[in-house]
Amino acid sequence: MLAAAQNLALELRVVDAEGLVAAAPHCLTHSPRVLSLTGLPSLAEAAALAAAGPGARLLGPRLAAAGEATCALAESTP
């Protein structure tokens, strides 16, 4: 992850469990599997929102790649 962030000249942010839980109500999608494993409707979306900070919004629902990886993007509001 760190190498990918560096190659893309992006900041890598680590979010804590409290941030993920706080962001959960704003998730757009709900995965029964992720919910049973983490208690979150979407780990990717919650992480994107938590990393983007207060007032963040998702740019759309998460994308899943054949059950191998998920990605969600969020933007901060000024």
C-alpha atoms as a PDB file:
ATOM      1  CA  MET A   1       0.000   0.000   0.000  1.00  0.00           C
ATOM      2  CA  LEU A   2       2.772   2.410   0.900  1.00  0.00           C
ATOM      3  CA  ALA A   3       4.622   1.726  -2.346  1.00  0.00           C
ATOM      4  CA  ALA A   4       1.441   2.264  -4.375  1.00  0.00           C
ATOM      5  CA  ALA A   5       0.757   5.566  -2.606  1.00  0.00           C
ATOM      6  CA  GLN A   6       4.324   6.708  -3.191  1.00  0.00           C
ATOM      7  CA  ASN A   7       4.216   5.720  -6.882  1.00  0.00           C
ATOM      8  CA  LEU A   8       1.004   7.713  -7.313  1.00  0.00           C
ATOM      9  CA  ALA A   9       2.262  10.638  -5.201  1.00  0.00           C
ATOM     10  CA  LEU A  10      -0.661  10.191  -2.804  1.00  0.00           C
ATOM     11  CA  GLU A  11      -0.816  10.427   0.967  1.00  0.00           C
ATOM     12  CA  LEU A  12      -1.502   7.122   2.699  1.00  0.00           C
ATOM     13  CA  ARG A  13      -3.840   7.619   5.644  1.00  0.00           C
ATOM     14  CA  VAL A  14      -4.524   5.041   8.318  1.00  0.00           C
ATOM     15  CA  VAL A  15      -7.906   5.291  10.016  1.00  0.00           C
ATOM     16  CA  ASP A  16      -8.847   3.838  13.380  1.00  0.00           C
ATOM     17  CA  ALA A  17     -11.847   1.712  14.285  1.00  0.00           C
ATOM     18  CA  GLU A  18     -13.687   4.702  15.752  1.00  0.00           C
ATOM     19  CA  GLY A  19     -13.400   6.552  12.439  1.00  0.00           C
ATOM     20  CA  LEU A  20     -14.720   3.541  10.532  1.00  0.00           C
ATOM     21  CA  VAL A  21     -17.708   3.163  12.866  1.00  0.00           C
ATOM     22  CA  ALA A  22     -18.493   6.888  12.650  1.00  0.00           C
ATOM     23  CA  ALA A  23     -18.440   6.739   8.840  1.00  0.00           C
ATOM     24  CA  ALA A  24     -20.566   3.577   8.571  1.00  0.00           C
ATOM     25  CA  PRO A  25     -23.982   5.320   8.465  1.00  0.00           C
ATOM     26  CA  HIS A  26     -22.875   7.163   5.324  1.00  0.00           C
ATOM     27  CA  CYS A  27     -21.978   4.048   3.332  1.00  0.00           C
ATOM     28  CA  LEU A  28     -23.890   3.521   0.104  1.00  0.00           C
ATOM     29  CA  THR A  29     -23.591  -0.257  -0.161  1.00  0.00           C
ATOM     30  CA  HIS A  30     -24.054  -3.092   2.295  1.00  0.00           C
ATOM     31  CA  SER A  31     -22.174  -6.380   2.128  1.00  0.00           C
ATOM     32  CA  PRO A  32     -23.566  -9.150   4.347  1.00  0.00           C
ATOM     33  CA  ARG A  33     -20.111 -10.779   4.373  1.00  0.00           C
ATOM     34  CA  VAL A  34     -18.298  -7.606   5.440  1.00  0.00           C
ATOM     35  CA  LEU A  35     -21.017  -6.833   7.971  1.00  0.00           C
ATOM     36  CA  SER A  36     -20.575 -10.253   9.588  1.00  0.00           C
ATOM     37  CA  LEU A  37     -16.762  -9.900   9.641  1.00  0.00           C
ATOM     38  CA  THR A  38     -16.394  -6.257  10.675  1.00  0.00           C
ATOM     39  CA  GLY A  39     -19.759  -4.913  11.793  1.00  0.00           C
ATOM     40  CA  LEU A  40     -19.530  -2.352   8.971  1.00  0.00           C
ATOM     41  CA  PRO A  41     -21.788  -2.219   5.906  1.00  0.00           C
ATOM     42  CA  SER A  42     -18.797  -1.578   3.606  1.00  0.00           C
ATOM     43  CA  LEU A  43     -15.218  -1.491   4.808  1.00  0.00           C
ATOM     44  CA  ALA A  44     -13.951   0.218   1.649  1.00  0.00           C
ATOM     45  CA  GLU A  45     -16.570   2.972   1.805  1.00  0.00           C
ATOM     46  CA  ALA A  46     -16.182   3.520   5.548  1.00  0.00           C
ATOM     47  CA  ALA A  47     -12.403   3.747   5.148  1.00  0.00           C
ATOM     48  CA  ALA A  48     -12.671   6.216   2.264  1.00  0.00           C
ATOM     49  CA  LEU A  49     -15.074   8.414   4.218  1.00  0.00           C
ATOM     50  CA  ALA A  50     -13.038   8.264   7.421  1.00  0.00           C
ATOM     51  CA  ALA A  51      -9.811   9.106   5.598  1.00  0.00           C
ATOM     52  CA  ALA A  52     -11.413  12.049   3.784  1.00  0.00           C
ATOM     53  CA  GLY A  53     -12.509  13.566   7.088  1.00  0.00           C
ATOM     54  CA  PRO A  54     -15.617  15.249   8.492  1.00  0.00           C
ATOM     55  CA  GLY A  55     -18.214  16.164   5.910  1.00  0.00           C
ATOM     56  CA  ALA A  56     -16.744  13.793   3.303  1.00  0.00           C
ATOM     57  CA  ARG A  57     -18.944  12.245   0.659  1.00  0.00           C
ATOM     58  CA  LEU A  58     -18.535   9.175  -1.489  1.00  0.00           C
ATOM     59  CA  LEU A  59     -18.093   9.725  -5.217  1.00  0.00           C
ATOM     60  CA  GLY A  60     -20.213   6.625  -5.796  1.00  0.00           C
ATOM     61  CA  PRO A  61     -20.652   3.112  -4.470  1.00  0.00           C
ATOM     62  CA  ARG A  62     -17.600   0.927  -3.934  1.00  0.00           C
ATOM     63  CA  LEU A  63     -16.241  -1.131  -6.798  1.00  0.00           C
ATOM     64  CA  ALA A  64     -15.514  -4.817  -6.279  1.00  0.00           C
ATOM     65  CA  ALA A  65     -13.094  -6.856  -8.390  1.00  0.00           C
ATOM     66  CA  ALA A  66     -14.232 -10.485  -8.474  1.00  0.00           C
ATOM     67  CA  GLY A  67     -14.220 -10.792  -4.695  1.00  0.00           C
ATOM     68  CA  GLU A  68     -10.499 -10.046  -4.590  1.00  0.00           C
ATOM     69  CA  ALA A  69     -10.452  -6.339  -3.786  1.00  0.00           C
ATOM     70  CA  THR A  70     -12.748  -3.381  -3.267  1.00  0.00           C
ATOM     71  CA  CYS A  71     -12.180   0.305  -3.773  1.00  0.00           C
ATOM     72  CA  ALA A  72     -14.143   3.383  -2.773  1.00  0.00           C
ATOM     73  CA  LEU A  73     -13.383   7.050  -3.325  1.00  0.00           C
ATOM     74  CA  ALA A  74     -14.519   9.953  -1.187  1.00  0.00           C
ATOM     75  CA  GLU A  75     -13.897  13.647  -1.312  1.00  0.00           C
ATOM     76  CA  SER A  76     -13.572  16.194   1.435  1.00  0.00           C
ATOM     77  CA  THR A  77     -15.773  19.225   1.534  1.00  0.00           C
ATOM     78  CA  PRO A  78     -14.206  22.558   2.431  1.00  0.00           C
END
